[in-house]
Amino acid sequence: KLGEITESYLYPRLEKIFEQDDIIFAETG
């Protein structure tokens, strides 16, 4: 409601930018 970035927005939103053949490195944690 307040528009701050939470996990319910952040990770699904980033999922939508991934494209075929991308190389993704995610720091453990």
mmCIF file of all heavy atoms, coordinates in Angstrom:
data_MODEL
# 
_entry.id   MODEL 
# 
loop_
_atom_site.group_PDB 
_atom_site.id 
_atom_site.type_symbol 
_atom_site.label_atom_id 
_atom_site.label_alt_id 
_atom_site.label_comp_id 
_atom_site.label_asym_id 
_atom_site.label_entity_id 
_atom_site.label_seq_id 
_atom_site.pdbx_PDB_ins_code 
_atom_site.Cartn_x 
_atom_site.Cartn_y 
_atom_site.Cartn_z 
_atom_site.occupancy 
_atom_site.B_iso_or_equiv 
_atom_site.pdbx_formal_charge 
_atom_site.auth_seq_id 
_atom_site.auth_comp_id 
_atom_site.auth_asym_id 
_atom_site.auth_atom_id 
_atom_site.pdbx_PDB_model_num 
ATOM 1   N N   . LYS A 1 1  ? 0.810  -1.210  0.000   1.00 0.00 ? 1  LYS A N   1 
ATOM 2   C CA  . LYS A 1 1  ? 0.000  0.000   0.000   1.00 0.00 ? 1  LYS A CA  1 
ATOM 3   C C   . LYS A 1 1  ? 0.849  1.267   0.000   1.00 0.00 ? 1  LYS A C   1 
ATOM 4   O O   . LYS A 1 1  ? 0.484  2.286   -0.588  1.00 0.00 ? 1  LYS A O   1 
ATOM 5   C CB  . LYS A 1 1  ? -0.911 -0.007  1.232   1.00 0.00 ? 1  LYS A CB  1 
ATOM 6   C CG  . LYS A 1 1  ? -2.003 -1.074  1.176   1.00 0.00 ? 1  LYS A CG  1 
ATOM 7   C CD  . LYS A 1 1  ? -2.896 -1.000  2.403   1.00 0.00 ? 1  LYS A CD  1 
ATOM 8   C CE  . LYS A 1 1  ? -3.983 -2.059  2.344   1.00 0.00 ? 1  LYS A CE  1 
ATOM 9   N NZ  . LYS A 1 1  ? -4.877 -2.018  3.548   1.00 0.00 ? 1  LYS A NZ  1 
ATOM 10  N N   . LEU A 1 2  ? 2.004  1.201   0.658   1.00 0.00 ? 2  LEU A N   1 
ATOM 11  C CA  . LEU A 1 2  ? 2.858  2.387   0.740   1.00 0.00 ? 2  LEU A CA  1 
ATOM 12  C C   . LEU A 1 2  ? 3.842  2.491   -0.419  1.00 0.00 ? 2  LEU A C   1 
ATOM 13  O O   . LEU A 1 2  ? 4.560  3.484   -0.543  1.00 0.00 ? 2  LEU A O   1 
ATOM 14  C CB  . LEU A 1 2  ? 3.614  2.382   2.070   1.00 0.00 ? 2  LEU A CB  1 
ATOM 15  C CG  . LEU A 1 2  ? 2.745  2.438   3.333   1.00 0.00 ? 2  LEU A CG  1 
ATOM 16  C CD1 . LEU A 1 2  ? 3.622  2.370   4.584   1.00 0.00 ? 2  LEU A CD1 1 
ATOM 17  C CD2 . LEU A 1 2  ? 1.903  3.708   3.348   1.00 0.00 ? 2  LEU A CD2 1 
ATOM 18  N N   . GLY A 1 3  ? 3.928  1.443   -1.242  1.00 0.00 ? 3  GLY A N   1 
ATOM 19  C CA  . GLY A 1 3  ? 4.784  1.491   -2.422  1.00 0.00 ? 3  GLY A CA  1 
ATOM 20  C C   . GLY A 1 3  ? 6.227  1.133   -2.182  1.00 0.00 ? 3  GLY A C   1 
ATOM 21  O O   . GLY A 1 3  ? 7.047  1.177   -3.110  1.00 0.00 ? 3  GLY A O   1 
ATOM 22  N N   . GLU A 1 4  ? 6.593  0.777   -0.932  1.00 0.00 ? 4  GLU A N   1 
ATOM 23  C CA  . GLU A 1 4  ? 7.981  0.390   -0.683  1.00 0.00 ? 4  GLU A CA  1 
ATOM 24  C C   . GLU A 1 4  ? 8.258  -0.962  -1.339  1.00 0.00 ? 4  GLU A C   1 
ATOM 25  O O   . GLU A 1 4  ? 7.343  -1.746  -1.606  1.00 0.00 ? 4  GLU A O   1 
ATOM 26  C CB  . GLU A 1 4  ? 8.283  0.347   0.818   1.00 0.00 ? 4  GLU A CB  1 
ATOM 27  C CG  . GLU A 1 4  ? 7.693  -0.829  1.564   1.00 0.00 ? 4  GLU A CG  1 
ATOM 28  C CD  . GLU A 1 4  ? 6.293  -0.594  2.076   1.00 0.00 ? 4  GLU A CD  1 
ATOM 29  O OE1 . GLU A 1 4  ? 5.604  0.295   1.524   1.00 0.00 ? 4  GLU A OE1 1 
ATOM 30  O OE2 . GLU A 1 4  ? 5.874  -1.293  3.021   1.00 0.00 ? 4  GLU A OE2 1 
ATOM 31  N N   . ILE A 1 5  ? 9.517  -1.248  -1.588  1.00 0.00 ? 5  ILE A N   1 
ATOM 32  C CA  . ILE A 1 5  ? 9.903  -2.475  -2.288  1.00 0.00 ? 5  ILE A CA  1 
ATOM 33  C C   . ILE A 1 5  ? 9.940  -3.627  -1.292  1.00 0.00 ? 5  ILE A C   1 
ATOM 34  O O   . ILE A 1 5  ? 10.706 -3.603  -0.324  1.00 0.00 ? 5  ILE A O   1 
ATOM 35  C CB  . ILE A 1 5  ? 11.272 -2.308  -2.976  1.00 0.00 ? 5  ILE A CB  1 
ATOM 36  C CG1 . ILE A 1 5  ? 11.213 -1.164  -3.994  1.00 0.00 ? 5  ILE A CG1 1 
ATOM 37  C CG2 . ILE A 1 5  ? 11.682 -3.606  -3.670  1.00 0.00 ? 5  ILE A CG2 1 
ATOM 38  C CD1 . ILE A 1 5  ? 12.574 -0.782  -4.567  1.00 0.00 ? 5  ILE A CD1 1 
ATOM 39  N N   . THR A 1 6  ? 9.116  -4.621  -1.545  1.00 0.00 ? 6  THR A N   1 
ATOM 40  C CA  . THR A 1 6  ? 9.078  -5.816  -0.714  1.00 0.00 ? 6  THR A CA  1 
ATOM 41  C C   . THR A 1 6  ? 9.317  -7.037  -1.591  1.00 0.00 ? 6  THR A C   1 
ATOM 42  O O   . THR A 1 6  ? 9.313  -6.945  -2.828  1.00 0.00 ? 6  THR A O   1 
ATOM 43  C CB  . THR A 1 6  ? 7.727  -5.964  -0.006  1.00 0.00 ? 6  THR A CB  1 
ATOM 44  O OG1 . THR A 1 6  ? 6.710  -6.177  -0.998  1.00 0.00 ? 6  THR A OG1 1 
ATOM 45  C CG2 . THR A 1 6  ? 7.405  -4.731  0.822   1.00 0.00 ? 6  THR A CG2 1 
ATOM 46  N N   . GLU A 1 7  ? 9.493  -8.191  -0.942  1.00 0.00 ? 7  GLU A N   1 
ATOM 47  C CA  . GLU A 1 7  ? 9.769  -9.414  -1.693  1.00 0.00 ? 7  GLU A CA  1 
ATOM 48  C C   . GLU A 1 7  ? 8.621  -9.803  -2.609  1.00 0.00 ? 7  GLU A C   1 
ATOM 49  O O   . GLU A 1 7  ? 8.828  -10.429 -3.656  1.00 0.00 ? 7  GLU A O   1 
ATOM 50  C CB  . GLU A 1 7  ? 10.120 -10.560 -0.732  1.00 0.00 ? 7  GLU A CB  1 
ATOM 51  C CG  . GLU A 1 7  ? 8.958  -11.354 -0.172  1.00 0.00 ? 7  GLU A CG  1 
ATOM 52  C CD  . GLU A 1 7  ? 8.171  -10.616 0.897   1.00 0.00 ? 7  GLU A CD  1 
ATOM 53  O OE1 . GLU A 1 7  ? 8.609  -9.529  1.332   1.00 0.00 ? 7  GLU A OE1 1 
ATOM 54  O OE2 . GLU A 1 7  ? 7.111  -11.135 1.310   1.00 0.00 ? 7  GLU A OE2 1 
ATOM 55  N N   . SER A 1 8  ? 7.396  -9.432  -2.254  1.00 0.00 ? 8  SER A N   1 
ATOM 56  C CA  . SER A 1 8  ? 6.245  -9.797  -3.080  1.00 0.00 ? 8  SER A CA  1 
ATOM 57  C C   . SER A 1 8  ? 6.223  -9.033  -4.401  1.00 0.00 ? 8  SER A C   1 
ATOM 58  O O   . SER A 1 8  ? 5.551  -9.442  -5.351  1.00 0.00 ? 8  SER A O   1 
ATOM 59  C CB  . SER A 1 8  ? 4.943  -9.548  -2.316  1.00 0.00 ? 8  SER A CB  1 
ATOM 60  O OG  . SER A 1 8  ? 4.805  -8.174  -1.992  1.00 0.00 ? 8  SER A OG  1 
ATOM 61  N N   . TYR A 1 9  ? 6.968  -7.939  -4.482  1.00 0.00 ? 9  TYR A N   1 
ATOM 62  C CA  . TYR A 1 9  ? 7.091  -7.189  -5.730  1.00 0.00 ? 9  TYR A CA  1 
ATOM 63  C C   . TYR A 1 9  ? 8.443  -7.425  -6.392  1.00 0.00 ? 9  TYR A C   1 
ATOM 64  O O   . TYR A 1 9  ? 8.518  -7.658  -7.607  1.00 0.00 ? 9  TYR A O   1 
ATOM 65  C CB  . TYR A 1 9  ? 6.922  -5.686  -5.480  1.00 0.00 ? 9  TYR A CB  1 
ATOM 66  C CG  . TYR A 1 9  ? 6.927  -4.881  -6.766  1.00 0.00 ? 9  TYR A CG  1 
ATOM 67  C CD1 . TYR A 1 9  ? 5.770  -4.703  -7.496  1.00 0.00 ? 9  TYR A CD1 1 
ATOM 68  C CD2 . TYR A 1 9  ? 8.104  -4.328  -7.262  1.00 0.00 ? 9  TYR A CD2 1 
ATOM 69  C CE1 . TYR A 1 9  ? 5.759  -3.992  -8.687  1.00 0.00 ? 9  TYR A CE1 1 
ATOM 70  C CE2 . TYR A 1 9  ? 8.121  -3.606  -8.444  1.00 0.00 ? 9  TYR A CE2 1 
ATOM 71  C CZ  . TYR A 1 9  ? 6.946  -3.446  -9.153  1.00 0.00 ? 9  TYR A CZ  1 
ATOM 72  O OH  . TYR A 1 9  ? 6.956  -2.748  -10.340 1.00 0.00 ? 9  TYR A OH  1 
ATOM 73  N N   . LEU A 1 10 ? 9.511  -7.381  -5.607  1.00 0.00 ? 10 LEU A N   1 
ATOM 74  C CA  . LEU A 1 10 ? 10.870 -7.390  -6.155  1.00 0.00 ? 10 LEU A CA  1 
ATOM 75  C C   . LEU A 1 10 ? 11.158 -8.617  -7.016  1.00 0.00 ? 10 LEU A C   1 
ATOM 76  O O   . LEU A 1 10 ? 11.529 -8.488  -8.191  1.00 0.00 ? 10 LEU A O   1 
ATOM 77  C CB  . LEU A 1 10 ? 11.880 -7.303  -5.008  1.00 0.00 ? 10 LEU A CB  1 
ATOM 78  C CG  . LEU A 1 10 ? 13.360 -7.438  -5.397  1.00 0.00 ? 10 LEU A CG  1 
ATOM 79  C CD1 . LEU A 1 10 ? 13.773 -6.345  -6.367  1.00 0.00 ? 10 LEU A CD1 1 
ATOM 80  C CD2 . LEU A 1 10 ? 14.232 -7.421  -4.147  1.00 0.00 ? 10 LEU A CD2 1 
ATOM 81  N N   . TYR A 1 11 ? 11.009 -9.793  -6.456  1.00 0.00 ? 11 TYR A N   1 
ATOM 82  C CA  . TYR A 1 11 ? 11.446 -10.992 -7.176  1.00 0.00 ? 11 TYR A CA  1 
ATOM 83  C C   . TYR A 1 11 ? 10.548 -11.340 -8.367  1.00 0.00 ? 11 TYR A C   1 
ATOM 84  O O   . TYR A 1 11 ? 11.056 -11.659 -9.453  1.00 0.00 ? 11 TYR A O   1 
ATOM 85  C CB  . TYR A 1 11 ? 11.606 -12.150 -6.202  1.00 0.00 ? 11 TYR A CB  1 
ATOM 86  C CG  . TYR A 1 11 ? 12.605 -11.839 -5.110  1.00 0.00 ? 11 TYR A CG  1 
ATOM 87  C CD1 . TYR A 1 11 ? 12.208 -11.691 -3.783  1.00 0.00 ? 11 TYR A CD1 1 
ATOM 88  C CD2 . TYR A 1 11 ? 13.949 -11.624 -5.413  1.00 0.00 ? 11 TYR A CD2 1 
ATOM 89  C CE1 . TYR A 1 11 ? 13.125 -11.368 -2.784  1.00 0.00 ? 11 TYR A CE1 1 
ATOM 90  C CE2 . TYR A 1 11 ? 14.870 -11.296 -4.427  1.00 0.00 ? 11 TYR A CE2 1 
ATOM 91  C CZ  . TYR A 1 11 ? 14.451 -11.165 -3.113  1.00 0.00 ? 11 TYR A CZ  1 
ATOM 92  O OH  . TYR A 1 11 ? 15.357 -10.829 -2.136  1.00 0.00 ? 11 TYR A OH  1 
ATOM 93  N N   . PRO A 1 12 ? 9.202  -11.247 -8.229  1.00 0.00 ? 12 PRO A N   1 
ATOM 94  C CA  . PRO A 1 12 ? 8.382  -11.460 -9.429  1.00 0.00 ? 12 PRO A CA  1 
ATOM 95  C C   . PRO A 1 12 ? 8.645  -10.419 -10.521 1.00 0.00 ? 12 PRO A C   1 
ATOM 96  O O   . PRO A 1 12 ? 8.581  -10.736 -11.718 1.00 0.00 ? 12 PRO A O   1 
ATOM 97  C CB  . PRO A 1 12 ? 6.951  -11.355 -8.888  1.00 0.00 ? 12 PRO A CB  1 
ATOM 98  C CG  . PRO A 1 12 ? 7.055  -11.692 -7.441  1.00 0.00 ? 12 PRO A CG  1 
ATOM 99  C CD  . PRO A 1 12 ? 8.380  -11.129 -7.015  1.00 0.00 ? 12 PRO A CD  1 
ATOM 100 N N   . ARG A 1 13 ? 8.962  -9.183  -10.124 1.00 0.00 ? 13 ARG A N   1 
ATOM 101 C CA  . ARG A 1 13 ? 9.229  -8.147  -11.132 1.00 0.00 ? 13 ARG A CA  1 
ATOM 102 C C   . ARG A 1 13 ? 10.541 -8.420  -11.849 1.00 0.00 ? 13 ARG A C   1 
ATOM 103 O O   . ARG A 1 13 ? 10.644 -8.257  -13.079 1.00 0.00 ? 13 ARG A O   1 
ATOM 104 C CB  . ARG A 1 13 ? 9.267  -6.767  -10.458 1.00 0.00 ? 13 ARG A CB  1 
ATOM 105 C CG  . ARG A 1 13 ? 9.490  -5.611  -11.448 1.00 0.00 ? 13 ARG A CG  1 
ATOM 106 C CD  . ARG A 1 13 ? 8.355  -5.503  -12.435 1.00 0.00 ? 13 ARG A CD  1 
ATOM 107 N NE  . ARG A 1 13 ? 8.580  -4.452  -13.431 1.00 0.00 ? 13 ARG A NE  1 
ATOM 108 C CZ  . ARG A 1 13 ? 9.220  -4.650  -14.591 1.00 0.00 ? 13 ARG A CZ  1 
ATOM 109 N NH1 . ARG A 1 13 ? 9.694  -5.856  -14.888 1.00 0.00 ? 13 ARG A NH1 1 
ATOM 110 N NH2 . ARG A 1 13 ? 9.375  -3.656  -15.445 1.00 0.00 ? 13 ARG A NH2 1 
ATOM 111 N N   . LEU A 1 14 ? 11.566 -8.844  -11.111 1.00 0.00 ? 14 LEU A N   1 
ATOM 112 C CA  . LEU A 1 14 ? 12.837 -9.162  -11.763 1.00 0.00 ? 14 LEU A CA  1 
ATOM 113 C C   . LEU A 1 14 ? 12.693 -10.377 -12.669 1.00 0.00 ? 14 LEU A C   1 
ATOM 114 O O   . LEU A 1 14 ? 13.335 -10.453 -13.732 1.00 0.00 ? 14 LEU A O   1 
ATOM 115 C CB  . LEU A 1 14 ? 13.915 -9.416  -10.705 1.00 0.00 ? 14 LEU A CB  1 
ATOM 116 C CG  . LEU A 1 14 ? 14.376 -8.208  -9.893  1.00 0.00 ? 14 LEU A CG  1 
ATOM 117 C CD1 . LEU A 1 14 ? 15.461 -8.602  -8.909  1.00 0.00 ? 14 LEU A CD1 1 
ATOM 118 C CD2 . LEU A 1 14 ? 14.872 -7.082  -10.798 1.00 0.00 ? 14 LEU A CD2 1 
ATOM 119 N N   . GLU A 1 15 ? 11.869 -11.341 -12.281 1.00 0.00 ? 15 GLU A N   1 
ATOM 120 C CA  . GLU A 1 15 ? 11.652 -12.525 -13.120 1.00 0.00 ? 15 GLU A CA  1 
ATOM 121 C C   . GLU A 1 15 ? 11.212 -12.125 -14.528 1.00 0.00 ? 15 GLU A C   1 
ATOM 122 O O   . GLU A 1 15 ? 11.576 -12.775 -15.511 1.00 0.00 ? 15 GLU A O   1 
ATOM 123 C CB  . GLU A 1 15 ? 10.595 -13.414 -12.469 1.00 0.00 ? 15 GLU A CB  1 
ATOM 124 C CG  . GLU A 1 15 ? 10.271 -14.687 -13.252 1.00 0.00 ? 15 GLU A CG  1 
ATOM 125 C CD  . GLU A 1 15 ? 9.144  -15.477 -12.608 1.00 0.00 ? 15 GLU A CD  1 
ATOM 126 O OE1 . GLU A 1 15 ? 8.141  -14.857 -12.176 1.00 0.00 ? 15 GLU A OE1 1 
ATOM 127 O OE2 . GLU A 1 15 ? 9.250  -16.708 -12.521 1.00 0.00 ? 15 GLU A OE2 1 
ATOM 128 N N   . LYS A 1 16 ? 10.471 -11.040 -14.634 1.00 0.00 ? 16 LYS A N   1 
ATOM 129 C CA  . LYS A 1 16 ? 9.912  -10.640 -15.925 1.00 0.00 ? 16 LYS A CA  1 
ATOM 130 C C   . LYS A 1 16 ? 10.942 -10.003 -16.856 1.00 0.00 ? 16 LYS A C   1 
ATOM 131 O O   . LYS A 1 16 ? 10.672 -9.857  -18.054 1.00 0.00 ? 16 LYS A O   1 
ATOM 132 C CB  . LYS A 1 16 ? 8.730  -9.694  -15.710 1.00 0.00 ? 16 LYS A CB  1 
ATOM 133 C CG  . LYS A 1 16 ? 7.559  -10.363 -15.007 1.00 0.00 ? 16 LYS A CG  1 
ATOM 134 C CD  . LYS A 1 16 ? 6.364  -9.461  -14.913 1.00 0.00 ? 16 LYS A CD  1 
ATOM 135 C CE  . LYS A 1 16 ? 5.214  -10.179 -14.211 1.00 0.00 ? 16 LYS A CE  1 
ATOM 136 N NZ  . LYS A 1 16 ? 4.840  -11.440 -14.899 1.00 0.00 ? 16 LYS A NZ  1 
ATOM 137 N N   . ILE A 1 17 ? 12.108 -9.614  -16.353 1.00 0.00 ? 17 ILE A N   1 
ATOM 138 C CA  . ILE A 1 17 ? 13.106 -9.012  -17.250 1.00 0.00 ? 17 ILE A CA  1 
ATOM 139 C C   . ILE A 1 17 ? 14.041 -10.062 -17.847 1.00 0.00 ? 17 ILE A C   1 
ATOM 140 O O   . ILE A 1 17 ? 14.797 -9.763  -18.773 1.00 0.00 ? 17 ILE A O   1 
ATOM 141 C CB  . ILE A 1 17 ? 13.940 -7.929  -16.550 1.00 0.00 ? 17 ILE A CB  1 
ATOM 142 C CG1 . ILE A 1 17 ? 14.970 -8.544  -15.593 1.00 0.00 ? 17 ILE A CG1 1 
ATOM 143 C CG2 . ILE A 1 17 ? 13.059 -6.915  -15.839 1.00 0.00 ? 17 ILE A CG2 1 
ATOM 144 C CD1 . ILE A 1 17 ? 16.073 -7.602  -15.185 1.00 0.00 ? 17 ILE A CD1 1 
ATOM 145 N N   . PHE A 1 18 ? 14.023 -11.289 -17.329 1.00 0.00 ? 18 PHE A N   1 
ATOM 146 C CA  . PHE A 1 18 ? 14.942 -12.303 -17.816 1.00 0.00 ? 18 PHE A CA  1 
ATOM 147 C C   . PHE A 1 18 ? 14.586 -12.699 -19.251 1.00 0.00 ? 18 PHE A C   1 
ATOM 148 O O   . PHE A 1 18 ? 13.409 -12.840 -19.595 1.00 0.00 ? 18 PHE A O   1 
ATOM 149 C CB  . PHE A 1 18 ? 14.927 -13.534 -16.913 1.00 0.00 ? 18 PHE A CB  1 
ATOM 150 C CG  . PHE A 1 18 ? 15.357 -13.259 -15.493 1.00 0.00 ? 18 PHE A CG  1 
ATOM 151 C CD1 . PHE A 1 18 ? 14.820 -13.973 -14.428 1.00 0.00 ? 18 PHE A CD1 1 
ATOM 152 C CD2 . PHE A 1 18 ? 16.289 -12.271 -15.216 1.00 0.00 ? 18 PHE A CD2 1 
ATOM 153 C CE1 . PHE A 1 18 ? 15.210 -13.715 -13.124 1.00 0.00 ? 18 PHE A CE1 1 
ATOM 154 C CE2 . PHE A 1 18 ? 16.691 -12.001 -13.913 1.00 0.00 ? 18 PHE A CE2 1 
ATOM 155 C CZ  . PHE A 1 18 ? 16.140 -12.717 -12.862 1.00 0.00 ? 18 PHE A CZ  1 
ATOM 156 N N   . GLU A 1 19 ? 15.618 -12.889 -20.052 1.00 0.00 ? 19 GLU A N   1 
ATOM 157 C CA  . GLU A 1 19 ? 15.435 -13.213 -21.465 1.00 0.00 ? 19 GLU A CA  1 
ATOM 158 C C   . GLU A 1 19 ? 16.230 -14.459 -21.840 1.00 0.00 ? 19 GLU A C   1 
ATOM 159 O O   . GLU A 1 19 ? 17.162 -14.855 -21.127 1.00 0.00 ? 19 GLU A O   1 
ATOM 160 C CB  . GLU A 1 19 ? 15.901 -12.042 -22.344 1.00 0.00 ? 19 GLU A CB  1 
ATOM 161 C CG  . GLU A 1 19 ? 15.130 -10.748 -22.130 1.00 0.00 ? 19 GLU A CG  1 
ATOM 162 C CD  . GLU A 1 19 ? 15.678 -9.606  -22.963 1.00 0.00 ? 19 GLU A CD  1 
ATOM 163 O OE1 . GLU A 1 19 ? 16.738 -9.814  -23.627 1.00 0.00 ? 19 GLU A OE1 1 
ATOM 164 O OE2 . GLU A 1 19 ? 15.083 -8.516  -22.950 1.00 0.00 ? 19 GLU A OE2 1 
ATOM 165 N N   . GLN A 1 20 ? 15.872 -15.058 -22.963 1.00 0.00 ? 20 GLN A N   1 
ATOM 166 C CA  . GLN A 1 20 ? 16.570 -16.240 -23.450 1.00 0.00 ? 20 GLN A CA  1 
ATOM 167 C C   . GLN A 1 20 ? 18.074 -15.988 -23.526 1.00 0.00 ? 20 GLN A C   1 
ATOM 168 O O   . GLN A 1 20 ? 18.520 -14.922 -23.945 1.00 0.00 ? 20 GLN A O   1 
ATOM 169 C CB  . GLN A 1 20 ? 16.055 -16.626 -24.836 1.00 0.00 ? 20 GLN A CB  1 
ATOM 170 C CG  . GLN A 1 20 ? 16.715 -17.862 -25.421 1.00 0.00 ? 20 GLN A CG  1 
ATOM 171 C CD  . GLN A 1 20 ? 16.055 -18.314 -26.714 1.00 0.00 ? 20 GLN A CD  1 
ATOM 172 O OE1 . GLN A 1 20 ? 14.907 -17.988 -26.972 1.00 0.00 ? 20 GLN A OE1 1 
ATOM 173 N NE2 . GLN A 1 20 ? 16.774 -19.065 -27.527 1.00 0.00 ? 20 GLN A NE2 1 
ATOM 174 N N   . ASP A 1 21 ? 18.844 -16.976 -23.065 1.00 0.00 ? 21 ASP A N   1 
ATOM 175 C CA  . ASP A 1 21 ? 20.314 -16.970 -23.110 1.00 0.00 ? 21 ASP A CA  1 
ATOM 176 C C   . ASP A 1 21 ? 20.979 -16.071 -22.069 1.00 0.00 ? 21 ASP A C   1 
ATOM 177 O O   . ASP A 1 21 ? 22.206 -15.947 -22.061 1.00 0.00 ? 21 ASP A O   1 
ATOM 178 C CB  . ASP A 1 21 ? 20.844 -16.594 -24.505 1.00 0.00 ? 21 ASP A CB  1 
ATOM 179 C CG  . ASP A 1 21 ? 20.518 -17.646 -25.542 1.00 0.00 ? 21 ASP A CG  1 
ATOM 180 O OD1 . ASP A 1 21 ? 20.542 -18.840 -25.199 1.00 0.00 ? 21 ASP A OD1 1 
ATOM 181 O OD2 . ASP A 1 21 ? 20.230 -17.275 -26.696 1.00 0.00 ? 21 ASP A OD2 1 
ATOM 182 N N   . ASP A 1 22 ? 20.215 -15.458 -21.189 1.00 0.00 ? 22 ASP A N   1 
ATOM 183 C CA  . ASP A 1 22 ? 20.836 -14.663 -20.115 1.00 0.00 ? 22 ASP A CA  1 
ATOM 184 C C   . ASP A 1 22 ? 21.732 -15.533 -19.239 1.00 0.00 ? 22 ASP A C   1 
ATOM 185 O O   . ASP A 1 22 ? 21.484 -16.724 -19.048 1.00 0.00 ? 22 ASP A O   1 
ATOM 186 C CB  . ASP A 1 22 ? 19.760 -14.032 -19.210 1.00 0.00 ? 22 ASP A CB  1 
ATOM 187 C CG  . ASP A 1 22 ? 19.164 -12.768 -19.793 1.00 0.00 ? 22 ASP A CG  1 
ATOM 188 O OD1 . ASP A 1 22 ? 19.709 -12.249 -20.785 1.00 0.00 ? 22 ASP A OD1 1 
ATOM 189 O OD2 . ASP A 1 22 ? 18.141 -12.297 -19.238 1.00 0.00 ? 22 ASP A OD2 1 
ATOM 190 N N   . ILE A 1 23 ? 22.765 -14.907 -18.697 1.00 0.00 ? 23 ILE A N   1 
ATOM 191 C CA  . ILE A 1 23 ? 23.601 -15.534 -17.670 1.00 0.00 ? 23 ILE A CA  1 
ATOM 192 C C   . ILE A 1 23 ? 23.341 -14.768 -16.371 1.00 0.00 ? 23 ILE A C   1 
ATOM 193 O O   . ILE A 1 23 ? 23.583 -13.566 -16.297 1.00 0.00 ? 23 ILE A O   1 
ATOM 194 C CB  . ILE A 1 23 ? 25.092 -15.463 -18.027 1.00 0.00 ? 23 ILE A CB  1 
ATOM 195 C CG1 . ILE A 1 23 ? 25.373 -16.215 -19.332 1.00 0.00 ? 23 ILE A CG1 1 
ATOM 196 C CG2 . ILE A 1 23 ? 25.948 -16.029 -16.897 1.00 0.00 ? 23 ILE A CG2 1 
ATOM 197 C CD1 . ILE A 1 23 ? 26.794 -16.037 -19.847 1.00 0.00 ? 23 ILE A CD1 1 
ATOM 198 N N   . ILE A 1 24 ? 22.839 -15.467 -15.350 1.00 0.00 ? 24 ILE A N   1 
ATOM 199 C CA  . ILE A 1 24 ? 22.479 -14.827 -14.090 1.00 0.00 ? 24 ILE A CA  1 
ATOM 200 C C   . ILE A 1 24 ? 23.368 -15.364 -12.973 1.00 0.00 ? 24 ILE A C   1 
ATOM 201 O O   . ILE A 1 24 ? 23.467 -16.580 -12.781 1.00 0.00 ? 24 ILE A O   1 
ATOM 202 C CB  . ILE A 1 24 ? 21.002 -15.092 -13.736 1.00 0.00 ? 24 ILE A CB  1 
ATOM 203 C CG1 . ILE A 1 24 ? 20.084 -14.611 -14.854 1.00 0.00 ? 24 ILE A CG1 1 
ATOM 204 C CG2 . ILE A 1 24 ? 20.638 -14.411 -12.411 1.00 0.00 ? 24 ILE A CG2 1 
ATOM 205 C CD1 . ILE A 1 24 ? 18.637 -15.051 -14.693 1.00 0.00 ? 24 ILE A CD1 1 
ATOM 206 N N   . PHE A 1 25 ? 24.014 -14.471 -12.260 1.00 0.00 ? 25 PHE A N   1 
ATOM 207 C CA  . PHE A 1 25 ? 24.783 -14.827 -11.071 1.00 0.00 ? 25 PHE A CA  1 
ATOM 208 C C   . PHE A 1 25 ? 24.112 -14.195 -9.860  1.00 0.00 ? 25 PHE A C   1 
ATOM 209 O O   . PHE A 1 25 ? 23.980 -12.975 -9.784  1.00 0.00 ? 25 PHE A O   1 
ATOM 210 C CB  . PHE A 1 25 ? 26.240 -14.361 -11.184 1.00 0.00 ? 25 PHE A CB  1 
ATOM 211 C CG  . PHE A 1 25 ? 27.109 -15.333 -11.919 1.00 0.00 ? 25 PHE A CG  1 
ATOM 212 C CD1 . PHE A 1 25 ? 27.032 -15.445 -13.297 1.00 0.00 ? 25 PHE A CD1 1 
ATOM 213 C CD2 . PHE A 1 25 ? 27.982 -16.161 -11.235 1.00 0.00 ? 25 PHE A CD2 1 
ATOM 214 C CE1 . PHE A 1 25 ? 27.820 -16.354 -13.986 1.00 0.00 ? 25 PHE A CE1 1 
ATOM 215 C CE2 . PHE A 1 25 ? 28.774 -17.080 -11.909 1.00 0.00 ? 25 PHE A CE2 1 
ATOM 216 C CZ  . PHE A 1 25 ? 28.690 -17.179 -13.287 1.00 0.00 ? 25 PHE A CZ  1 
ATOM 217 N N   . ALA A 1 26 ? 23.679 -15.038 -8.934  1.00 0.00 ? 26 ALA A N   1 
ATOM 218 C CA  . ALA A 1 26 ? 23.009 -14.565 -7.722  1.00 0.00 ? 26 ALA A CA  1 
ATOM 219 C C   . ALA A 1 26 ? 23.861 -14.923 -6.517  1.00 0.00 ? 26 ALA A C   1 
ATOM 220 O O   . ALA A 1 26 ? 24.152 -16.097 -6.283  1.00 0.00 ? 26 ALA A O   1 
ATOM 221 C CB  . ALA A 1 26 ? 21.620 -15.191 -7.603  1.00 0.00 ? 26 ALA A CB  1 
ATOM 222 N N   . GLU A 1 27 ? 24.265 -13.905 -5.769  1.00 0.00 ? 27 GLU A N   1 
ATOM 223 C CA  . GLU A 1 27 ? 25.056 -14.144 -4.564  1.00 0.00 ? 27 GLU A CA  1 
ATOM 224 C C   . GLU A 1 27 ? 24.290 -15.043 -3.608  1.00 0.00 ? 27 GLU A C   1 
ATOM 225 O O   . GLU A 1 27 ? 23.092 -14.869 -3.394  1.00 0.00 ? 27 GLU A O   1 
ATOM 226 C CB  . GLU A 1 27 ? 25.384 -12.819 -3.882  1.00 0.00 ? 27 GLU A CB  1 
ATOM 227 C CG  . GLU A 1 27 ? 26.222 -12.937 -2.629  1.00 0.00 ? 27 GLU A CG  1 
ATOM 228 C CD  . GLU A 1 27 ? 27.660 -13.329 -2.893  1.00 0.00 ? 27 GLU A CD  1 
ATOM 229 O OE1 . GLU A 1 27 ? 28.275 -12.787 -3.827  1.00 0.00 ? 27 GLU A OE1 1 
ATOM 230 O OE2 . GLU A 1 27 ? 28.187 -14.184 -2.151  1.00 0.00 ? 27 GLU A OE2 1 
ATOM 231 N N   . THR A 1 28 ? 24.987 -16.024 -3.054  1.00 0.00 ? 28 THR A N   1 
ATOM 232 C CA  . THR A 1 28 ? 24.351 -16.950 -2.130  1.00 0.00 ? 28 THR A CA  1 
ATOM 233 C C   . THR A 1 28 ? 23.801 -16.192 -0.932  1.00 0.00 ? 28 THR A C   1 
ATOM 234 O O   . THR A 1 28 ? 24.521 -15.440 -0.276  1.00 0.00 ? 28 THR A O   1 
ATOM 235 C CB  . THR A 1 28 ? 25.360 -18.011 -1.662  1.00 0.00 ? 28 THR A CB  1 
ATOM 236 O OG1 . THR A 1 28 ? 25.908 -18.652 -2.815  1.00 0.00 ? 28 THR A OG1 1 
ATOM 237 C CG2 . THR A 1 28 ? 24.698 -19.045 -0.786  1.00 0.00 ? 28 THR A CG2 1 
ATOM 238 N N   . GLY A 1 29 ? 22.521 -16.376 -0.643  1.00 0.00 ? 29 GLY A N   1 
ATOM 239 C CA  . GLY A 1 29 ? 21.889 -15.676 0.468   1.00 0.00 ? 29 GLY A CA  1 
ATOM 240 C C   . GLY A 1 29 ? 20.571 -15.080 0.033   1.00 0.00 ? 29 GLY A C   1 
ATOM 241 O O   . GLY A 1 29 ? 19.765 -15.720 -0.648  1.00 0.00 ? 29 GLY A O   1 
# 
